[in-house]
C-alpha atoms as a PDB file:
ATOM      1  CA  UNK A   1      -0.058   0.099   0.107  1.00  0.00           C
ATOM      2  CA  UNK A   2       1.417   3.306  -0.997  1.00  0.00           C
ATOM      3  CA  UNK A   3       1.251   6.275   1.132  1.00  0.00           C
ATOM      4  CA  UNK A   4      -0.421   9.323  -0.137  1.00  0.00           C
ATOM      5  CA  UNK A   5       1.292  12.497  -1.179  1.00  0.00           C
ATOM      6  CA  UNK A   6       1.767  14.995   1.398  1.00  0.00           C
ATOM      7  CA  UNK A   7       1.700  18.737  -0.157  1.00  0.00           C
ATOM      8  CA  UNK A   8       2.701  21.636   2.055  1.00  0.00           C
ATOM      9  CA  UNK A   9       0.236  24.535   2.159  1.00  0.00           C
ATOM     10  CA  UNK A  10       1.972  27.702   1.832  1.00  0.00           C
ATOM     11  CA  UNK A  11       0.710  31.302   1.399  1.00  0.00           C
ATOM     12  CA  UNK A  12       1.741  31.425  -2.337  1.00  0.00           C
ATOM     13  CA  UNK A  13       0.079  28.222  -2.817  1.00  0.00           C
ATOM     14  CA  UNK A  14      -3.213  29.766  -1.474  1.00  0.00           C
ATOM     15  CA  UNK A  15      -2.968  33.070  -3.180  1.00  0.00           C
ATOM     16  CA  UNK A  16      -1.984  31.791  -6.411  1.00  0.00           C
ATOM     17  CA  UNK A  17      -5.188  29.240  -6.350  1.00  0.00           C
ATOM     18  CA  UNK A  18      -7.281  32.357  -5.511  1.00  0.00           C
ATOM     19  CA  UNK A  19      -5.987  34.440  -8.352  1.00  0.00           C
ATOM     20  CA  UNK A  20      -6.190  31.425 -10.679  1.00  0.00           C
ATOM     21  CA  UNK A  21      -9.844  30.953  -9.820  1.00  0.00           C
ATOM     22  CA  UNK A  22     -10.596  34.542  -9.845  1.00  0.00           C
ATOM     23  CA  UNK A  23      -8.895  35.273 -13.288  1.00  0.00           C
ATOM     24  CA  UNK A  24     -10.619  32.246 -14.749  1.00  0.00           C
ATOM     25  CA  UNK A  25     -13.894  33.664 -13.470  1.00  0.00           C
ATOM     26  CA  UNK A  26     -13.383  36.927 -15.038  1.00  0.00           C
ATOM     27  CA  UNK A  27     -12.231  35.631 -18.232  1.00  0.00           C
ATOM     28  CA  UNK A  28     -15.232  33.514 -18.431  1.00  0.00           C
ATOM     29  CA  UNK A  29     -17.548  36.379 -17.646  1.00  0.00           C
ATOM     30  CA  UNK A  30     -16.151  38.724 -20.313  1.00  0.00           C
ATOM     31  CA  UNK A  31     -16.111  35.860 -22.990  1.00  0.00           C
ATOM     32  CA  UNK A  32     -19.867  35.334 -22.066  1.00  0.00           C
ATOM     33  CA  UNK A  33     -20.428  39.348 -22.438  1.00  0.00           C
ATOM     34  CA  UNK A  34     -18.931  39.540 -25.755  1.00  0.00           C
ATOM     35  CA  UNK A  35     -21.016  36.303 -26.927  1.00  0.00           C
ATOM     36  CA  UNK A  36     -23.963  37.819 -25.644  1.00  0.00           C
ATOM     37  CA  UNK A  37     -23.411  41.089 -27.423  1.00  0.00           C
ATOM     38  CA  UNK A  38     -22.721  39.151 -30.716  1.00  0.00           C
ATOM     39  CA  UNK A  39     -25.748  36.856 -30.704  1.00  0.00           C
ATOM     40  CA  UNK A  40     -27.955  40.186 -29.902  1.00  0.00           C
ATOM     41  CA  UNK A  41     -26.244  41.957 -32.771  1.00  0.00           C
ATOM     42  CA  UNK A  42     -26.726  39.828 -35.755  1.00  0.00           C
ATOM     43  CA  UNK A  43     -30.332  38.831 -35.291  1.00  0.00           C
ATOM     44  CA  UNK A  44     -31.304  42.533 -35.164  1.00  0.00           C
ATOM     45  CA  UNK A  45     -29.869  43.197 -38.562  1.00  0.00           C
ATOM     46  CA  UNK A  46     -31.185  40.197 -39.939  1.00  0.00           C
ATOM     47  CA  UNK A  47     -30.389  39.344 -43.720  1.00  0.00           C
ATOM     48  CA  UNK A  48     -28.505  42.674 -43.771  1.00  0.00           C
ATOM     49  CA  UNK A  49     -25.717  41.289 -41.688  1.00  0.00           C
ATOM     50  CA  UNK A  50     -23.810  39.557 -44.308  1.00  0.00           C
ATOM     51  CA  UNK A  51     -23.915  43.292 -46.064  1.00  0.00           C
ATOM     52  CA  UNK A  52     -22.155  44.797 -43.088  1.00  0.00           C
ATOM     53  CA  UNK A  53     -19.011  42.576 -43.710  1.00  0.00           C
ATOM     54  CA  UNK A  54     -17.410  44.985 -46.225  1.00  0.00           C
ATOM     55  CA  UNK A  55     -18.382  48.058 -44.150  1.00  0.00           C
ATOM     56  CA  UNK A  56     -16.459  46.223 -41.182  1.00  0.00           C
ATOM     57  CA  UNK A  57     -13.569  45.641 -43.413  1.00  0.00           C
ATOM     58  CA  UNK A  58     -13.618  49.280 -44.389  1.00  0.00           C
ATOM     59  CA  UNK A  59     -13.848  50.817 -40.925  1.00  0.00           C
ATOM     60  CA  UNK A  60     -11.049  48.180 -39.782  1.00  0.00           C
ATOM     61  CA  UNK A  61      -8.809  49.286 -42.481  1.00  0.00           C
ATOM     62  CA  UNK A  62      -9.350  52.942 -41.566  1.00  0.00           C
ATOM     63  CA  UNK A  63      -8.648  52.180 -37.951  1.00  0.00           C
ATOM     64  CA  UNK A  64      -5.151  50.733 -38.901  1.00  0.00           C
ATOM     65  CA  UNK A  65      -4.315  53.627 -41.086  1.00  0.00           C
ATOM     66  CA  UNK A  66      -5.077  55.832 -38.344  1.00  0.00           C
ATOM     67  CA  UNK A  67      -2.911  53.915 -36.030  1.00  0.00           C
ATOM     68  CA  UNK A  68      -0.152  53.884 -38.489  1.00  0.00           C
ATOM     69  CA  UNK A  69       0.077  57.507 -39.291  1.00  0.00           C
ATOM     70  CA  UNK A  70      -0.352  58.606 -35.661  1.00  0.00           C
ATOM     71  CA  UNK A  71       2.307  56.869 -33.378  1.00  0.00           C
ATOM     72  CA  UNK A  72       0.555  58.473 -30.215  1.00  0.00           C
ATOM     73  CA  UNK A  73      -2.745  57.012 -30.948  1.00  0.00           C
ATOM     74  CA  UNK A  74      -1.220  53.671 -31.826  1.00  0.00           C
ATOM     75  CA  UNK A  75       0.325  53.548 -28.276  1.00  0.00           C
ATOM     76  CA  UNK A  76      -2.844  54.530 -26.585  1.00  0.00           C
ATOM     77  CA  UNK A  77      -4.729  51.779 -28.640  1.00  0.00           C
ATOM     78  CA  UNK A  78      -1.860  49.230 -27.261  1.00  0.00           C
ATOM     79  CA  UNK A  79      -2.520  50.348 -23.842  1.00  0.00           C
ATOM     80  CA  UNK A  80      -6.207  50.329 -24.090  1.00  0.00           C
ATOM     81  CA  UNK A  81      -5.602  46.552 -25.510  1.00  0.00           C
ATOM     82  CA  UNK A  82      -3.432  45.653 -22.707  1.00  0.00           C
ATOM     83  CA  UNK A  83      -5.942  47.245 -20.243  1.00  0.00           C
ATOM     84  CA  UNK A  84      -8.632  45.006 -21.768  1.00  0.00           C
ATOM     85  CA  UNK A  85      -6.615  41.806 -20.956  1.00  0.00           C
ATOM     86  CA  UNK A  86      -6.103  42.217 -17.387  1.00  0.00           C
ATOM     87  CA  UNK A  87      -7.860  39.093 -16.342  1.00  0.00           C
ATOM     88  CA  UNK A  88      -5.476  37.067 -18.474  1.00  0.00           C
ATOM     89  CA  UNK A  89      -2.768  39.048 -16.472  1.00  0.00           C
ATOM     90  CA  UNK A  90      -4.169  37.459 -13.282  1.00  0.00           C
ATOM     91  CA  UNK A  91      -4.139  34.035 -14.441  1.00  0.00           C
ATOM     92  CA  UNK A  92      -0.628  34.389 -15.555  1.00  0.00           C
ATOM     93  CA  UNK A  93       0.078  35.684 -11.920  1.00  0.00           C
ATOM     94  CA  UNK A  94      -1.965  32.924 -10.558  1.00  0.00           C
ATOM     95  CA  UNK A  95       0.126  30.254 -12.624  1.00  0.00           C
ATOM     96  CA  UNK A  96       3.245  31.883 -11.531  1.00  0.00           C
ATOM     97  CA  UNK A  97       2.677  31.532  -7.936  1.00  0.00           C
ATOM     98  CA  UNK A  98       1.740  27.841  -8.429  1.00  0.00           C
ATOM     99  CA  UNK A  99       4.734  26.885 -10.739  1.00  0.00           C
ATOM    100  CA  UNK A 100       6.168  24.991  -8.281  1.00  0.00           C
ATOM    101  CA  UNK A 101       2.996  22.994  -7.338  1.00  0.00           C
ATOM    102  CA  UNK A 102       1.554  22.648 -10.655  1.00  0.00           C
ATOM    103  CA  UNK A 103       4.685  22.169 -12.668  1.00  0.00           C
ATOM    104  CA  UNK A 104       6.844  20.148 -10.333  1.00  0.00           C
ATOM    105  CA  UNK A 105       7.878  17.473 -12.867  1.00  0.00           C
ATOM    106  CA  UNK A 106       9.130  20.513 -15.324  1.00  0.00           C
ATOM    107  CA  UNK A 107      11.699  22.124 -12.838  1.00  0.00           C
ATOM    108  CA  UNK A 108      15.191  21.090 -13.818  1.00  0.00           C
ATOM    109  CA  UNK A 109      16.776  18.115 -11.979  1.00  0.00           C
ATOM    110  CA  UNK A 110      19.769  18.579  -9.843  1.00  0.00           C
ATOM    111  CA  UNK A 111      23.079  18.455 -11.518  1.00  0.00           C
ATOM    112  CA  UNK A 112      24.720  15.139 -12.212  1.00  0.00           C
ATOM    113  CA  UNK A 113      27.776  14.391 -10.151  1.00  0.00           C
ATOM    114  CA  UNK A 114      31.102  14.125 -11.877  1.00  0.00           C
ATOM    115  CA  UNK A 115      31.250  10.203 -11.386  1.00  0.00           C
ATOM    116  CA  UNK A 116      27.834   9.614 -12.909  1.00  0.00           C
ATOM    117  CA  UNK A 117      28.450  12.112 -15.514  1.00  0.00           C
ATOM    118  CA  UNK A 118      31.943  10.440 -16.586  1.00  0.00           C
ATOM    119  CA  UNK A 119      30.361   7.015 -16.514  1.00  0.00           C
ATOM    120  CA  UNK A 120      27.448   8.515 -18.901  1.00  0.00           C
ATOM    121  CA  UNK A 121      30.161  10.010 -21.244  1.00  0.00           C
ATOM    122  CA  UNK A 122      29.062  13.620 -20.503  1.00  0.00           C
ATOM    123  CA  UNK A 123      31.702  16.250 -20.697  1.00  0.00           C
ATOM    124  CA  UNK A 124      31.754  18.991 -18.412  1.00  0.00           C
END
């Protein structure tokens, strides 16, 4: 019979788990809101929804032109994009705090001793 693994409960594990769950909840809620807006938009236009695709393409091209010609607006658009991704940043922070417990198998092993390295033919 094997003994169960013992895991240490540390503040970083607790805080990382909380951040991971909070960030995942926020990401889910933002995605759900975006899907609700998209599904409410298309039925209201009905058959004209496909006719809006060229207009949308022209609007995107105009926005890209404005971003490339005015570096200050490009920087502000980039900052706005980063601010809209803050739930993902919370997810990354939670995963960073949990990296030792979640990704324990991916941590590098201790260095080989010189005798075992020599027996395996590894040069130092």
